[in-house]
Amino acid sequence: MAKSNKFELFKSLGLSFYMIFAIFGCTPGGVHAAMVGSLHPTPVATLPFLSPHSAVVAFCEGILKHGTAWEALREDLAAQKVAMTLEDVRERMRNVLSLTDVTRFPVPKSPSAVIFVAATVSS
């Protein structure tokens, strides 16, 4: 049976058809899941799992700050004739990544479909 015929069958029987859409992300992917859940035009079940509120946390405060090539970023900026200290580069990265701060995003269309799994201490 063709897809459109199935929908017509549902309607003729007085049934509604719902498409269930959910998104899940773990740690940095959880930030992306939260962004999608917030910005998607329809209600989305959202599960950000052990994720920070922003990419700033991972790249500027967390473990990834030790693996980021800050000097290479500074050199790239210097090639563009922008003189910056390493601290300036870190602050610029913080400003760019602050765009991912989901605490500034709109409330999801269906807040009851959001499940947060969080922790307060990382060892």
PDB file of N, CA and C in Angstrom:
ATOM      1  N   MET A   1       0.847  -1.164   0.000  1.00  0.00           N
ATOM      2  CA  MET A   1       0.000   0.000   0.000  1.00  0.00           C
ATOM      3  C   MET A   1       0.904   1.243   0.000  1.00  0.00           C
ATOM      4  N   ALA A   2       0.607   2.175  -0.852  1.00  0.00           N
ATOM      5  CA  ALA A   2       1.404   3.396  -0.934  1.00  0.00           C
ATOM      6  C   ALA A   2       1.257   4.196   0.346  1.00  0.00           C
ATOM      7  N   LYS A   3       2.287   4.965   0.642  1.00  0.00           N
ATOM      8  CA  LYS A   3       2.305   5.740   1.886  1.00  0.00           C
ATOM      9  C   LYS A   3       1.090   6.655   1.981  1.00  0.00           C
ATOM     10  N   SER A   4       0.759   7.384   0.924  1.00  0.00           N
ATOM     11  CA  SER A   4      -0.377   8.305   0.975  1.00  0.00           C
ATOM     12  C   SER A   4      -1.678   7.542   1.215  1.00  0.00           C
ATOM     13  N   ASN A   5      -1.794   6.311   0.676  1.00  0.00           N
ATOM     14  CA  ASN A   5      -2.987   5.501   0.903  1.00  0.00           C
ATOM     15  C   ASN A   5      -3.101   5.088   2.369  1.00  0.00           C
ATOM     16  N   LYS A   6      -1.969   4.826   3.033  1.00  0.00           N
ATOM     17  CA  LYS A   6      -1.990   4.475   4.454  1.00  0.00           C
ATOM     18  C   LYS A   6      -2.528   5.639   5.273  1.00  0.00           C
ATOM     19  N   PHE A   7      -2.097   6.853   4.943  1.00  0.00           N
ATOM     20  CA  PHE A   7      -2.569   8.024   5.668  1.00  0.00           C
ATOM     21  C   PHE A   7      -4.070   8.205   5.470  1.00  0.00           C
ATOM     22  N   GLU A   8      -4.527   7.984   4.239  1.00  0.00           N
ATOM     23  CA  GLU A   8      -5.962   8.094   3.954  1.00  0.00           C
ATOM     24  C   GLU A   8      -6.746   7.032   4.732  1.00  0.00           C
ATOM     25  N   LEU A   9      -6.203   5.834   4.846  1.00  0.00           N
ATOM     26  CA  LEU A   9      -6.842   4.769   5.612  1.00  0.00           C
ATOM     27  C   LEU A   9      -6.953   5.174   7.073  1.00  0.00           C
ATOM     28  N   PHE A  10      -5.865   5.691   7.646  1.00  0.00           N
ATOM     29  CA  PHE A  10      -5.906   6.154   9.036  1.00  0.00           C
ATOM     30  C   PHE A  10      -7.004   7.200   9.223  1.00  0.00           C
ATOM     31  N   LYS A  11      -7.044   8.172   8.306  1.00  0.00           N
ATOM     32  CA  LYS A  11      -8.029   9.248   8.426  1.00  0.00           C
ATOM     33  C   LYS A  11      -9.449   8.705   8.286  1.00  0.00           C
ATOM     34  N   SER A  12      -9.656   7.774   7.361  1.00  0.00           N
ATOM     35  CA  SER A  12     -11.006   7.236   7.143  1.00  0.00           C
ATOM     36  C   SER A  12     -11.501   6.440   8.348  1.00  0.00           C
ATOM     37  N   LEU A  13     -10.578   5.882   9.113  1.00  0.00           N
ATOM     38  CA  LEU A  13     -10.946   5.142  10.316  1.00  0.00           C
ATOM     39  C   LEU A  13     -11.044   6.058  11.539  1.00  0.00           C
ATOM     40  N   GLY A  14     -10.810   7.341  11.321  1.00  0.00           N
ATOM     41  CA  GLY A  14     -10.870   8.290  12.426  1.00  0.00           C
ATOM     42  C   GLY A  14      -9.625   8.249  13.307  1.00  0.00           C
ATOM     43  N   LEU A  15      -8.556   7.670  12.790  1.00  0.00           N
ATOM     44  CA  LEU A  15      -7.320   7.574  13.566  1.00  0.00           C
ATOM     45  C   LEU A  15      -6.387   8.719  13.206  1.00  0.00           C
ATOM     46  N   SER A  16      -5.616   9.100  14.150  1.00  0.00           N
ATOM     47  CA  SER A  16      -4.606  10.127  13.896  1.00  0.00           C
ATOM     48  C   SER A  16      -3.265   9.452  13.685  1.00  0.00           C
ATOM     49  N   PHE A  17      -2.450  10.076  12.894  1.00  0.00           N
ATOM     50  CA  PHE A  17      -1.109   9.553  12.649  1.00  0.00           C
ATOM     51  C   PHE A  17      -0.118  10.516  13.268  1.00  0.00           C
ATOM     52  N   TYR A  18       0.737   9.986  14.114  1.00  0.00           N
ATOM     53  CA  TYR A  18       1.754  10.803  14.757  1.00  0.00           C
ATOM     54  C   TYR A  18       3.130  10.274  14.386  1.00  0.00           C
ATOM     55  N   MET A  19       3.994  11.194  14.091  1.00  0.00           N
ATOM     56  CA  MET A  19       5.377  10.813  13.850  1.00  0.00           C
ATOM     57  C   MET A  19       6.143  11.156  15.126  1.00  0.00           C
ATOM     58  N   ILE A  20       6.802  10.182  15.696  1.00  0.00           N
ATOM     59  CA  ILE A  20       7.571  10.402  16.912  1.00  0.00           C
ATOM     60  C   ILE A  20       9.010  10.690  16.514  1.00  0.00           C
ATOM     61  N   PHE A  21       9.518  11.786  17.018  1.00  0.00           N
ATOM     62  CA  PHE A  21      10.875  12.191  16.684  1.00  0.00           C
ATOM     63  C   PHE A  21      11.598  12.456  17.991  1.00  0.00           C
ATOM     64  N   ALA A  22      12.765  11.856  18.143  1.00  0.00           N
ATOM     65  CA  ALA A  22      13.552  12.048  19.363  1.00  0.00           C
ATOM     66  C   ALA A  22      15.012  12.223  18.986  1.00  0.00           C
ATOM     67  N   ILE A  23      15.729  12.929  19.846  1.00  0.00           N
ATOM     68  CA  ILE A  23      17.156  13.127  19.622  1.00  0.00           C
ATOM     69  C   ILE A  23      17.883  12.899  20.937  1.00  0.00           C
ATOM     70  N   PHE A  24      19.040  12.247  20.832  1.00  0.00           N
ATOM     71  CA  PHE A  24      19.847  11.904  21.994  1.00  0.00           C
ATOM     72  C   PHE A  24      21.284  12.308  21.714  1.00  0.00           C
ATOM     73  N   GLY A  25      21.966  12.764  22.730  1.00  0.00           N
ATOM     74  CA  GLY A  25      23.384  13.055  22.582  1.00  0.00           C
ATOM     75  C   GLY A  25      24.066  12.883  23.921  1.00  0.00           C
ATOM     76  N   CYS A  26      25.283  12.412  23.875  1.00  0.00           N
ATOM     77  CA  CYS A  26      26.057  12.182  25.093  1.00  0.00           C
ATOM     78  C   CYS A  26      27.228  13.158  25.136  1.00  0.00           C
ATOM     79  N   THR A  27      27.455  13.740  26.273  1.00  0.00           N
ATOM     80  CA  THR A  27      28.486  14.750  26.539  1.00  0.00           C
ATOM     81  C   THR A  27      28.423  15.860  25.483  1.00  0.00           C
ATOM     82  N   PRO A  28      29.452  16.110  24.651  1.00  0.00           N
ATOM     83  CA  PRO A  28      29.320  17.236  23.714  1.00  0.00           C
ATOM     84  C   PRO A  28      28.123  17.078  22.774  1.00  0.00           C
ATOM     85  N   GLY A  29      27.809  15.848  22.401  1.00  0.00           N
ATOM     86  CA  GLY A  29      26.643  15.616  21.550  1.00  0.00           C
ATOM     87  C   GLY A  29      25.340  15.975  22.237  1.00  0.00           C
ATOM     88  N   GLY A  30      25.354  15.958  23.565  1.00  0.00           N
ATOM     89  CA  GLY A  30      24.173  16.358  24.314  1.00  0.00           C
ATOM     90  C   GLY A  30      23.850  17.827  24.148  1.00  0.00           C
ATOM     91  N   VAL A  31      24.890  18.649  24.003  1.00  0.00           N
ATOM     92  CA  VAL A  31      24.665  20.074  23.730  1.00  0.00           C
ATOM     93  C   VAL A  31      23.965  20.222  22.387  1.00  0.00           C
ATOM     94  N   HIS A  32      24.419  19.449  21.397  1.00  0.00           N
ATOM     95  CA  HIS A  32      23.781  19.506  20.074  1.00  0.00           C
ATOM     96  C   HIS A  32      22.339  19.012  20.153  1.00  0.00           C
ATOM     97  N   ALA A  33      22.106  17.950  20.900  1.00  0.00           N
ATOM     98  CA  ALA A  33      20.740  17.444  21.053  1.00  0.00           C
ATOM     99  C   ALA A  33      19.847  18.513  21.686  1.00  0.00           C
ATOM    100  N   ALA A  34      20.353  19.191  22.709  1.00  0.00           N
ATOM    101  CA  ALA A  34      19.575  20.238  23.373  1.00  0.00           C
ATOM    102  C   ALA A  34      19.287  21.393  22.421  1.00  0.00           C
ATOM    103  N   MET A  35      20.252  21.739  21.569  1.00  0.00           N
ATOM    104  CA  MET A  35      20.028  22.815  20.604  1.00  0.00           C
ATOM    105  C   MET A  35      18.933  22.427  19.609  1.00  0.00           C
ATOM    106  N   VAL A  36      18.985  21.196  19.107  1.00  0.00           N
ATOM    107  CA  VAL A  36      17.961  20.727  18.169  1.00  0.00           C
ATOM    108  C   VAL A  36      16.601  20.702  18.862  1.00  0.00           C
ATOM    109  N   GLY A  37      16.556  20.165  20.075  1.00  0.00           N
ATOM    110  CA  GLY A  37      15.295  20.108  20.814  1.00  0.00           C
ATOM    111  C   GLY A  37      14.693  21.479  21.041  1.00  0.00           C
ATOM    112  N   SER A  38      15.538  22.457  21.221  1.00  0.00           N
ATOM    113  CA  SER A  38      15.071  23.820  21.458  1.00  0.00           C
ATOM    114  C   SER A  38      14.633  24.515  20.179  1.00  0.00           C
ATOM    115  N   LEU A  39      15.368  24.329  19.108  1.00  0.00           N
ATOM    116  CA  LEU A  39      15.147  25.106  17.885  1.00  0.00           C
ATOM    117  C   LEU A  39      14.283  24.420  16.833  1.00  0.00           C
ATOM    118  N   HIS A  40      14.021  23.117  16.983  1.00  0.00           N
ATOM    119  CA  HIS A  40      13.217  22.417  15.977  1.00  0.00           C
ATOM    120  C   HIS A  40      11.803  22.994  15.965  1.00  0.00           C
ATOM    121  N   PRO A  41      11.212  23.167  14.783  1.00  0.00           N
ATOM    122  CA  PRO A  41       9.891  23.794  14.709  1.00  0.00           C
ATOM    123  C   PRO A  41       8.747  22.949  15.273  1.00  0.00           C
ATOM    124  N   THR A  42       8.988  21.656  15.478  1.00  0.00           N
ATOM    125  CA  THR A  42       7.946  20.802  16.056  1.00  0.00           C
ATOM    126  C   THR A  42       8.450  20.215  17.372  1.00  0.00           C
ATOM    127  N   PRO A  43       7.548  19.709  18.213  1.00  0.00           N
ATOM    128  CA  PRO A  43       7.997  19.092  19.472  1.00  0.00           C
ATOM    129  C   PRO A  43       8.918  17.901  19.214  1.00  0.00           C
ATOM    130  N   VAL A  44      10.007  17.843  19.959  1.00  0.00           N
ATOM    131  CA  VAL A  44      10.996  16.779  19.806  1.00  0.00           C
ATOM    132  C   VAL A  44      11.319  16.232  21.191  1.00  0.00           C
ATOM    133  N   ALA A  45      11.233  14.921  21.351  1.00  0.00           N
ATOM    134  CA  ALA A  45      11.698  14.304  22.590  1.00  0.00           C
ATOM    135  C   ALA A  45      13.218  14.453  22.612  1.00  0.00           C
ATOM    136  N   THR A  46      13.743  14.978  23.703  1.00  0.00           N
ATOM    137  CA  THR A  46      15.165  15.340  23.763  1.00  0.00           C
ATOM    138  C   THR A  46      15.812  14.739  24.996  1.00  0.00           C
ATOM    139  N   LEU A  47      16.976  14.111  24.804  1.00  0.00           N
ATOM    140  CA  LEU A  47      17.725  13.539  25.923  1.00  0.00           C
ATOM    141  C   LEU A  47      19.188  13.948  25.839  1.00  0.00           C
ATOM    142  N   PRO A  48      19.538  15.101  26.448  1.00  0.00           N
ATOM    143  CA  PRO A  48      20.954  15.449  26.553  1.00  0.00           C
ATOM    144  C   PRO A  48      21.543  14.705  27.753  1.00  0.00           C
ATOM    145  N   PHE A  49      22.455  13.792  27.502  1.00  0.00           N
ATOM    146  CA  PHE A  49      22.976  12.885  28.519  1.00  0.00           C
ATOM    147  C   PHE A  49      24.357  13.337  28.971  1.00  0.00           C
ATOM    148  N   LEU A  50      24.489  13.690  30.235  1.00  0.00           N
ATOM    149  CA  LEU A  50      25.757  14.118  30.828  1.00  0.00           C
ATOM    150  C   LEU A  50      26.450  15.186  29.979  1.00  0.00           C
ATOM    151  N   SER A  51      25.679  16.185  29.599  1.00  0.00           N
ATOM    152  CA  SER A  51      26.241  17.214  28.728  1.00  0.00           C
ATOM    153  C   SER A  51      26.306  18.556  29.447  1.00  0.00           C
ATOM    154  N   PRO A  52      27.283  19.364  29.075  1.00  0.00           N
ATOM    155  CA  PRO A  52      27.341  20.710  29.636  1.00  0.00           C
ATOM    156  C   PRO A  52      26.293  21.596  28.972  1.00  0.00           C
ATOM    157  N   HIS A  53      26.102  22.777  29.504  1.00  0.00           N
ATOM    158  CA  HIS A  53      25.128  23.704  28.916  1.00  0.00           C
ATOM    159  C   HIS A  53      25.677  24.382  27.675  1.00  0.00           C
ATOM    160  N   SER A  54      26.984  24.261  27.436  1.00  0.00           N
ATOM    161  CA  SER A  54      27.619  24.973  26.336  1.00  0.00           C
ATOM    162  C   SER A  54      28.940  24.293  25.974  1.00  0.00           C
ATOM    163  N   ALA A  55      29.383  24.480  24.746  1.00  0.00           N
ATOM    164  CA  ALA A  55      30.692  23.957  24.332  1.00  0.00           C
ATOM    165  C   ALA A  55      31.829  24.683  25.040  1.00  0.00           C
ATOM    166  N   VAL A  56      31.555  25.851  25.612  1.00  0.00           N
ATOM    167  CA  VAL A  56      32.577  26.590  26.367  1.00  0.00           C
ATOM    168  C   VAL A  56      33.127  25.722  27.489  1.00  0.00           C
ATOM    169  N   VAL A  57      32.251  24.980  28.137  1.00  0.00           N
ATOM    170  CA  VAL A  57      32.655  24.169  29.287  1.00  0.00           C
ATOM    171  C   VAL A  57      33.731  23.172  28.882  1.00  0.00           C
ATOM    172  N   ALA A  58      33.513  22.441  27.809  1.00  0.00           N
ATOM    173  CA  ALA A  58      34.472  21.413  27.386  1.00  0.00           C
ATOM    174  C   ALA A  58      35.773  22.004  26.847  1.00  0.00           C
ATOM    175  N   PHE A  59      35.650  23.026  25.993  1.00  0.00           N
ATOM    176  CA  PHE A  59      36.838  23.546  25.311  1.00  0.00           C
ATOM    177  C   PHE A  59      37.629  24.573  26.118  1.00  0.00           C
ATOM    178  N   CYS A  60      36.974  25.300  26.993  1.00  0.00           N
ATOM    179  CA  CYS A  60      37.670  26.386  27.708  1.00  0.00           C
ATOM    180  C   CYS A  60      37.857  26.110  29.194  1.00  0.00           C
ATOM    181  N   GLU A  61      37.092  25.174  29.741  1.00  0.00           N
ATOM    182  CA  GLU A  61      37.201  24.883  31.172  1.00  0.00           C
ATOM    183  C   GLU A  61      37.504  23.421  31.456  1.00  0.00           C
ATOM    184  N   GLY A  62      37.116  22.540  30.534  1.00  0.00           N
ATOM    185  CA  GLY A  62      37.239  21.108  30.761  1.00  0.00           C
ATOM    186  C   GLY A  62      38.493  20.507  30.159  1.00  0.00           C
ATOM    187  N   ILE A  63      38.429  19.225  29.949  1.00  0.00           N
ATOM    188  CA  ILE A  63      39.595  18.456  29.521  1.00  0.00           C
ATOM    189  C   ILE A  63      40.111  18.871  28.146  1.00  0.00           C
ATOM    190  N   LEU A  64      39.239  19.314  27.271  1.00  0.00           N
ATOM    191  CA  LEU A  64      39.672  19.667  25.916  1.00  0.00           C
ATOM    192  C   LEU A  64      40.545  20.917  25.867  1.00  0.00           C
ATOM    193  N   LYS A  65      40.527  21.717  26.930  1.00  0.00           N
ATOM    194  CA  LYS A  65      41.393  22.904  26.921  1.00  0.00           C
ATOM    195  C   LYS A  65      42.871  22.505  26.888  1.00  0.00           C
ATOM    196  N   HIS A  66      43.169  21.287  27.374  1.00  0.00           N
ATOM    197  CA  HIS A  66      44.551  20.805  27.366  1.00  0.00           C
ATOM    198  C   HIS A  66      44.960  20.251  26.003  1.00  0.00           C
ATOM    199  N   GLY A  67      43.993  19.916  25.171  1.00  0.00           N
ATOM    200  CA  GLY A  67      44.291  19.351  23.857  1.00  0.00           C
ATOM    201  C   GLY A  67      44.060  20.317  22.711  1.00  0.00           C
ATOM    202  N   THR A  68      43.622  21.517  23.019  1.00  0.00           N
ATOM    203  CA  THR A  68      43.371  22.506  21.971  1.00  0.00           C
ATOM    204  C   THR A  68      44.690  23.175  21.579  1.00  0.00           C
ATOM    205  N   ALA A  69      44.912  23.336  20.310  1.00  0.00           N
ATOM    206  CA  ALA A  69      46.155  23.932  19.799  1.00  0.00           C
ATOM    207  C   ALA A  69      46.042  25.454  19.853  1.00  0.00           C
ATOM    208  N   TRP A  70      46.094  25.995  21.060  1.00  0.00           N
ATOM    209  CA  TRP A  70      45.935  27.439  21.266  1.00  0.00           C
ATOM    210  C   TRP A  70      46.988  28.236  20.503  1.00  0.00           C
ATOM    211  N   GLU A  71      48.219  27.754  20.510  1.00  0.00           N
ATOM    212  CA  GLU A  71      49.301  28.473  19.821  1.00  0.00           C
ATOM    213  C   GLU A  71      49.044  28.507  18.315  1.00  0.00           C
ATOM    214  N   ALA A  72      48.559  27.405  17.755  1.00  0.00           N
ATOM    215  CA  ALA A  72      48.247  27.365  16.323  1.00  0.00           C
ATOM    216  C   ALA A  72      47.120  28.351  15.997  1.00  0.00           C
ATOM    217  N   LEU A  73      46.125  28.441  16.867  1.00  0.00           N
ATOM    218  CA  LEU A  73      45.049  29.415  16.657  1.00  0.00           C
ATOM    219  C   LEU A  73      45.595  30.841  16.708  1.00  0.00           C
ATOM    220  N   ARG A  74      46.504  31.087  17.648  1.00  0.00           N
ATOM    221  CA  ARG A  74      47.106  32.419  17.766  1.00  0.00           C
ATOM    222  C   ARG A  74      47.891  32.752  16.497  1.00  0.00           C
ATOM    223  N   GLU A  75      48.634  31.768  15.981  1.00  0.00           N
ATOM    224  CA  GLU A  75      49.412  31.979  14.752  1.00  0.00           C
ATOM    225  C   GLU A  75      48.506  32.238  13.553  1.00  0.00           C
ATOM    226  N   ASP A  76      47.371  31.523  13.483  1.00  0.00           N
ATOM    227  CA  ASP A  76      46.408  31.768  12.397  1.00  0.00           C
ATOM    228  C   ASP A  76      45.891  33.200  12.445  1.00  0.00           C
ATOM    229  N   LEU A  77      45.603  33.667  13.642  1.00  0.00           N
ATOM    230  CA  LEU A  77      45.132  35.048  13.786  1.00  0.00           C
ATOM    231  C   LEU A  77      46.232  36.038  13.428  1.00  0.00           C
ATOM    232  N   ALA A  78      47.479  35.710  13.793  1.00  0.00           N
ATOM    233  CA  ALA A  78      48.605  36.581  13.466  1.00  0.00           C
ATOM    234  C   ALA A  78      48.787  36.683  11.947  1.00  0.00           C
ATOM    235  N   ALA A  79      48.516  35.591  11.246  1.00  0.00           N
ATOM    236  CA  ALA A  79      48.614  35.598   9.785  1.00  0.00           C
ATOM    237  C   ALA A  79      47.560  36.527   9.174  1.00  0.00           C
ATOM    238  N   GLN A  80      46.477  36.740   9.905  1.00  0.00           N
ATOM    239  CA  GLN A  80      45.418  37.657   9.454  1.00  0.00           C
ATOM    240  C   GLN A  80      45.677  39.076   9.970  1.00  0.00           C
ATOM    241  N   LYS A  81      46.879  39.286  10.481  1.00  0.00           N
ATOM    242  CA  LYS A  81      47.299  40.586  11.011  1.00  0.00           C
ATOM    243  C   LYS A  81      46.496  41.006  12.248  1.00  0.00           C
ATOM    244  N   VAL A  82      46.149  39.994  13.059  1.00  0.00           N
ATOM    245  CA  VAL A  82      45.478  40.247  14.333  1.00  0.00           C
ATOM    246  C   VAL A  82      46.430  39.769  15.426  1.00  0.00           C
ATOM    247  N   ALA A  83      47.018  40.704  16.136  1.00  0.00           N
ATOM    248  CA  ALA A  83      47.964  40.345  17.201  1.00  0.00           C
ATOM    249  C   ALA A  83      47.187  40.055  18.481  1.00  0.00           C
ATOM    250  N   MET A  84      47.379  38.837  19.013  1.00  0.00           N
ATOM    251  CA  MET A  84      46.675  38.434  20.221  1.00  0.00           C
ATOM    252  C   MET A  84      47.591  37.615  21.109  1.00  0.00           C
ATOM    253  N   THR A  85      47.364  37.730  22.410  1.00  0.00           N
ATOM    254  CA  THR A  85      48.049  36.851  23.356  1.00  0.00           C
ATOM    255  C   THR A  85      47.275  35.542  23.415  1.00  0.00           C
ATOM    256  N   LEU A  86      47.871  34.533  24.034  1.00  0.00           N
ATOM    257  CA  LEU A  86      47.155  33.255  24.181  1.00  0.00           C
ATOM    258  C   LEU A  86      45.880  33.444  25.000  1.00  0.00           C
ATOM    259  N   GLU A  87      45.931  34.307  26.001  1.00  0.00           N
ATOM    260  CA  GLU A  87      44.724  34.561  26.802  1.00  0.00           C
ATOM    261  C   GLU A  87      43.641  35.225  25.951  1.00  0.00           C
ATOM    262  N   ASP A  88      44.036  36.113  25.046  1.00  0.00           N
ATOM    263  CA  ASP A  88      43.074  36.740  24.122  1.00  0.00           C
ATOM    264  C   ASP A  88      42.431  35.684  23.220  1.00  0.00           C
ATOM    265  N   VAL A  89      43.243  34.735  22.756  1.00  0.00           N
ATOM    266  CA  VAL A  89      42.731  33.666  21.886  1.00  0.00           C
ATOM    267  C   VAL A  89      41.717  32.820  22.649  1.00  0.00           C
ATOM    268  N   ARG A  90      42.043  32.474  23.884  1.00  0.00           N
ATOM    269  CA  ARG A  90      41.105  31.687  24.702  1.00  0.00           C
ATOM    270  C   ARG A  90      39.802  32.451  24.922  1.00  0.00           C
ATOM    271  N   GLU A  91      39.891  33.735  25.155  1.00  0.00           N
ATOM    272  CA  GLU A  91      38.696  34.549  25.362  1.00  0.00           C
ATOM    273  C   GLU A  91      37.872  34.651  24.077  1.00  0.00           C
ATOM    274  N   ARG A  92      38.559  34.750  22.953  1.00  0.00           N
ATOM    275  CA  ARG A  92      37.841  34.787  21.673  1.00  0.00           C
ATOM    276  C   ARG A  92      37.105  33.466  21.435  1.00  0.00           C
ATOM    277  N   MET A  93      37.767  32.354  21.740  1.00  0.00           N
ATOM    278  CA  MET A  93      37.129  31.040  21.604  1.00  0.00           C
ATOM    279  C   MET A  93      35.913  30.947  22.529  1.00  0.00           C
ATOM    280  N   ARG A  94      36.062  31.434  23.746  1.00  0.00           N
ATOM    281  CA  ARG A  94      34.954  31.434  24.699  1.00  0.00           C
ATOM    282  C   ARG A  94      33.770  32.232  24.132  1.00  0.00           C
ATOM    283  N   ASN A  95      34.050  33.385  23.535  1.00  0.00           N
ATOM    284  CA  ASN A  95      32.980  34.210  22.966  1.00  0.00           C
ATOM    285  C   ASN A  95      32.285  33.514  21.798  1.00  0.00           C
ATOM    286  N   VAL A  96      33.063  32.878  20.929  1.00  0.00           N
ATOM    287  CA  VAL A  96      32.472  32.168  19.792  1.00  0.00           C
ATOM    288  C   VAL A  96      31.628  30.992  20.283  1.00  0.00           C
ATOM    289  N   LEU A  97      32.181  30.206  21.201  1.00  0.00           N
ATOM    290  CA  LEU A  97      31.465  29.018  21.680  1.00  0.00           C
ATOM    291  C   LEU A  97      30.278  29.365  22.572  1.00  0.00           C
ATOM    292  N   SER A  98      30.223  30.594  23.076  1.00  0.00           N
ATOM    293  CA  SER A  98      29.074  30.985  23.901  1.00  0.00           C
ATOM    294  C   SER A  98      27.774  30.960  23.095  1.00  0.00           C
ATOM    295  N   LEU A  99      27.899  30.951  21.767  1.00  0.00           N
ATOM    296  CA  LEU A  99      26.706  30.838  20.918  1.00  0.00           C
ATOM    297  C   LEU A  99      26.000  29.495  21.115  1.00  0.00           C
ATOM    298  N   THR A 100      26.704  28.504  21.659  1.00  0.00           N
ATOM    299  CA  THR A 100      26.107  27.185  21.888  1.00  0.00           C
ATOM    300  C   THR A 100      25.470  27.061  23.270  1.00  0.00           C
ATOM    301  N   ASP A 101      25.425  28.129  24.042  1.00  0.00           N
ATOM    302  CA  ASP A 101      24.885  28.092  25.408  1.00  0.00           C
ATOM    303  C   ASP A 101      23.370  27.912  25.364  1.00  0.00           C
ATOM    304  N   VAL A 102      22.910  26.703  25.662  1.00  0.00           N
ATOM    305  CA  VAL A 102      21.488  26.398  25.546  1.00  0.00           C
ATOM    306  C   VAL A 102      20.638  27.088  26.619  1.00  0.00           C
ATOM    307  N   THR A 103      21.272  27.661  27.633  1.00  0.00           N
ATOM    308  CA  THR A 103      20.484  28.417  28.613  1.00  0.00           C
ATOM    309  C   THR A 103      19.947  29.710  28.003  1.00  0.00           C
ATOM    310  N   ARG A 104      20.463  30.090  26.847  1.00  0.00           N
ATOM    311  CA  ARG A 104      19.987  31.288  26.135  1.00  0.00           C
ATOM    312  C   ARG A 104      19.014  30.948  25.009  1.00  0.00           C
ATOM    313  N   PHE A 105      18.768  29.672  24.788  1.00  0.00           N
ATOM    314  CA  PHE A 105      17.891  29.228  23.708  1.00  0.00           C
ATOM    315  C   PHE A 105      16.439  29.252  24.174  1.00  0.00           C
ATOM    316  N   PRO A 106      15.496  29.245  23.230  1.00  0.00           N
ATOM    317  CA  PRO A 106      14.079  29.185  23.625  1.00  0.00           C
ATOM    318  C   PRO A 106      13.752  27.855  24.307  1.00  0.00           C
ATOM    319  N   VAL A 107      12.722  27.877  25.117  1.00  0.00           N
ATOM    320  CA  VAL A 107      12.240  26.651  25.761  1.00  0.00           C
ATOM    321  C   VAL A 107      11.728  25.722  24.659  1.00  0.00           C
ATOM    322  N   PRO A 108      12.023  24.414  24.745  1.00  0.00           N
ATOM    323  CA  PRO A 108      11.521  23.490  23.715  1.00  0.00           C
ATOM    324  C   PRO A 108       9.997  23.532  23.604  1.00  0.00           C
ATOM    325  N   LYS A 109       9.481  23.153  22.439  1.00  0.00           N
ATOM    326  CA  LYS A 109       8.029  23.182  22.185  1.00  0.00           C
ATOM    327  C   LYS A 109       7.265  22.311  23.170  1.00  0.00           C
ATOM    328  N   SER A 110       7.897  21.224  23.612  1.00  0.00           N
ATOM    329  CA  SER A 110       7.261  20.322  24.570  1.00  0.00           C
ATOM    330  C   SER A 110       8.241  20.039  25.708  1.00  0.00           C
ATOM    331  N   PRO A 111       8.309  20.929  26.710  1.00  0.00           N
ATOM    332  CA  PRO A 111       9.272  20.747  27.800  1.00  0.00           C
ATOM    333  C   PRO A 111       9.117  19.418  28.544  1.00  0.00           C
ATOM    334  N   SER A 112       7.909  18.868  28.559  1.00  0.00           N
ATOM    335  CA  SER A 112       7.709  17.597  29.262  1.00  0.00           C
ATOM    336  C   SER A 112       8.356  16.425  28.524  1.00  0.00           C
ATOM    337  N   ALA A 113       8.787  16.643  27.281  1.00  0.00           N
ATOM    338  CA  ALA A 113       9.431  15.582  26.503  1.00  0.00           C
ATOM    339  C   ALA A 113      10.955  15.668  26.587  1.00  0.00           C
ATOM    340  N   VAL A 114      11.461  16.470  27.521  1.00  0.00           N
ATOM    341  CA  VAL A 114      12.905  16.611  27.694  1.00  0.00           C
ATOM    342  C   VAL A 114      13.315  15.893  28.970  1.00  0.00           C
ATOM    343  N   ILE A 115      14.342  15.053  28.868  1.00  0.00           N
ATOM    344  CA  ILE A 115      14.869  14.346  30.028  1.00  0.00           C
ATOM    345  C   ILE A 115      16.346  14.708  30.153  1.00  0.00           C
ATOM    346  N   PHE A 116      16.709  15.302  31.274  1.00  0.00           N
ATOM    347  CA  PHE A 116      18.107  15.646  31.523  1.00  0.00           C
ATOM    348  C   PHE A 116      18.738  14.579  32.399  1.00  0.00           C
ATOM    349  N   VAL A 117      19.900  14.115  32.032  1.00  0.00           N
ATOM    350  CA  VAL A 117      20.694  13.238  32.879  1.00  0.00           C
ATOM    351  C   VAL A 117      21.958  14.017  33.173  1.00  0.00           C
ATOM    352  N   ALA A 118      22.161  14.357  34.444  1.00  0.00           N
ATOM    353  CA  ALA A 118      23.256  15.253  34.792  1.00  0.00           C
ATOM    354  C   ALA A 118      24.045  14.722  35.981  1.00  0.00           C
ATOM    355  N   ALA A 119      25.220  15.271  36.142  1.00  0.00           N
ATOM    356  CA  ALA A 119      26.068  14.969  37.281  1.00  0.00           C
ATOM    357  C   ALA A 119      26.658  16.278  37.773  1.00  0.00           C
ATOM    358  N   THR A 120      27.045  16.314  39.030  1.00  0.00           N
ATOM    359  CA  THR A 120      27.608  17.552  39.564  1.00  0.00           C
ATOM    360  C   THR A 120      29.115  17.474  39.749  1.00  0.00           C
ATOM    361  N   VAL A 121      29.663  16.266  39.793  1.00  0.00           N
ATOM    362  CA  VAL A 121      31.094  16.111  40.025  1.00  0.00           C
ATOM    363  C   VAL A 121      31.666  15.149  39.004  1.00  0.00           C
ATOM    364  N   SER A 122      32.797  15.521  38.420  1.00  0.00           N
ATOM    365  CA  SER A 122      33.484  14.636  37.484  1.00  0.00           C
ATOM    366  C   SER A 122      34.824  14.279  38.114  1.00  0.00           C
ATOM    367  N   SER A 123      35.163  12.989  38.092  1.00  0.00           N
ATOM    368  CA  SER A 123      36.440  12.606  38.724  1.00  0.00           C
ATOM    369  C   SER A 123      37.465  12.170  37.722  1.00  0.00           C
TER     370      SER A 123
END
